[in-house]
Protein backbone atom coordinates (compact mmCIF):
# COMPACT_ATOMS: atom_id res chain seq x y z
CA MET A 1 18.19 -168.31 -62.31
CA SER A 2 21.93 -169.02 -62.17
CA GLY A 3 24.71 -166.75 -63.47
CA ASN A 4 25.91 -169.66 -65.78
CA ILE A 5 25.52 -169.72 -69.42
CA VAL A 6 25.73 -172.20 -72.46
CA VAL A 7 27.71 -170.62 -75.27
CA MET A 8 27.47 -172.33 -78.84
CA SER A 9 29.93 -171.81 -81.65
CA THR A 10 30.16 -173.78 -84.92
CA VAL A 11 33.67 -174.60 -86.33
CA PRO A 12 34.75 -175.94 -89.59
CA ASP A 13 36.55 -179.11 -88.53
CA ILE A 14 37.45 -180.92 -85.28
CA THR A 15 40.98 -179.65 -85.06
CA THR A 16 39.90 -176.13 -84.77
CA GLY A 17 37.13 -177.10 -82.18
CA ARG A 18 39.87 -178.88 -80.25
CA LYS A 19 42.22 -175.87 -80.32
CA ILE A 20 39.36 -173.45 -79.11
CA ALA A 21 38.35 -175.92 -76.55
CA ARG A 22 41.75 -176.31 -75.12
CA ARG A 23 42.46 -172.67 -75.17
CA ILE A 24 39.39 -171.60 -73.08
CA LEU A 25 39.69 -174.36 -70.82
CA GLU A 26 43.37 -173.55 -70.14
CA GLU A 27 42.34 -169.95 -69.46
CA ARG A 28 39.57 -171.24 -67.16
CA LEU A 29 36.96 -169.33 -69.26
CA ALA A 30 34.91 -172.49 -69.38
CA ALA A 31 34.32 -175.52 -67.22
CA CYS A 32 33.42 -177.90 -70.08
CA VAL A 33 33.27 -177.78 -74.01
CA ASN A 34 31.48 -180.51 -75.71
CA ILE A 35 32.38 -180.91 -79.62
CA SER A 36 29.62 -182.48 -81.61
CA GLY A 37 30.08 -184.96 -84.37
CA THR A 38 29.76 -183.54 -87.85
CA LEU A 39 26.69 -181.72 -88.52
CA GLU A 40 25.25 -180.02 -91.66
CA SER A 41 24.71 -176.23 -91.55
CA LEU A 42 22.67 -174.30 -94.24
CA TYR A 43 22.88 -170.44 -93.78
CA TRP A 44 22.88 -167.14 -95.82
CA TRP A 45 26.39 -165.76 -96.66
CA GLU A 46 27.10 -163.17 -99.09
CA GLY A 47 23.47 -163.20 -100.61
CA LYS A 48 23.38 -166.95 -101.22
CA ILE A 49 22.36 -169.94 -99.36
CA GLN A 50 25.54 -172.01 -98.24
CA GLN A 51 25.73 -175.44 -97.18
CA ASP A 52 28.69 -176.83 -95.04
CA GLN A 53 29.74 -179.65 -92.84
CA GLU A 54 30.72 -178.22 -89.32
CA HIS A 55 31.07 -179.18 -85.59
CA LEU A 56 29.24 -177.46 -82.90
CA LEU A 57 30.94 -176.37 -79.61
CA VAL A 58 28.86 -176.21 -76.39
CA ILE A 59 30.52 -174.33 -74.02
CA LYS A 60 29.54 -174.18 -70.16
CA THR A 61 30.67 -171.19 -68.32
CA ARG A 62 29.67 -167.96 -66.14
CA ALA A 63 27.78 -165.11 -67.70
CA GLU A 64 30.43 -162.56 -66.34
CA LEU A 65 33.09 -164.45 -68.25
CA PHE A 66 31.34 -164.16 -71.76
CA PRO A 67 33.37 -160.96 -72.85
CA ARG A 68 36.60 -162.65 -72.39
CA LEU A 69 35.48 -166.04 -73.78
CA GLU A 70 34.15 -164.24 -77.00
CA GLU A 71 37.45 -162.40 -77.34
CA ALA A 72 39.26 -165.70 -77.16
CA VAL A 73 37.13 -167.61 -79.46
CA GLN A 74 37.21 -164.71 -82.02
CA GLY A 75 40.97 -164.64 -81.70
CA LEU A 76 41.39 -168.48 -82.70
CA HIS A 77 38.33 -168.85 -84.91
CA PRO A 78 38.93 -168.90 -88.73
CA TYR A 79 35.59 -167.63 -89.90
CA GLU A 80 35.22 -163.92 -90.57
CA VAL A 81 31.84 -163.77 -88.50
CA PRO A 82 31.84 -166.71 -86.15
CA GLU A 83 28.73 -167.92 -84.37
CA ILE A 84 29.24 -167.03 -80.68
CA ILE A 85 25.86 -167.02 -79.02
CA ALA A 86 24.99 -167.30 -75.24
CA LEU A 87 22.00 -168.96 -73.74
CA PRO A 88 21.14 -168.42 -69.88
CA ILE A 89 21.13 -171.73 -67.96
CA GLU A 90 17.57 -171.15 -66.17
CA GLN A 91 17.86 -174.19 -63.87
CA GLY A 92 20.07 -177.10 -63.38
CA SER A 93 21.49 -179.70 -60.93
CA SER A 94 22.71 -177.43 -58.09
CA SER A 95 25.95 -179.92 -57.99
CA TYR A 96 26.53 -179.11 -61.67
CA LEU A 97 26.16 -175.44 -61.41
CA LYS A 98 28.43 -175.34 -58.30
CA TRP A 99 31.09 -177.18 -60.46
CA ILE A 100 30.85 -174.62 -63.47
CA GLU A 101 31.33 -171.91 -60.83
CA SER A 102 34.31 -173.56 -59.01
CA GLU A 103 35.98 -174.50 -62.44
CA THR A 104 35.94 -171.16 -64.04
CA GLN A 105 38.05 -168.13 -62.91
CA ARG A 106 37.11 -165.07 -61.05
CA GLU A 107 37.15 -161.64 -62.54
CA ASN A 108 39.18 -160.35 -59.70
CA GLY A 109 41.73 -163.15 -59.74
């Protein structure tokens, strides 16, 4: 297993998605962020089923950067409770995994 993760977060619009993506890339908290086209989300909120159009951010980074990444996303996100979930990358192309490592900052510097 690698020390890399995929973090997912939904956003209300493409502008918000780009703002979050650019910030975390500039801070080297991610190697890559994909922003999906519009998708439809149905979810429980305040006791009712809600339905909205959103975009999904798929963020590739290292597990050790998650706390800082989470803080950065929360600071820019308009939702009261944003989705910020991480899944481990169990396997992947060794060259791609090395690229994630090289493009993200180290905790000690």
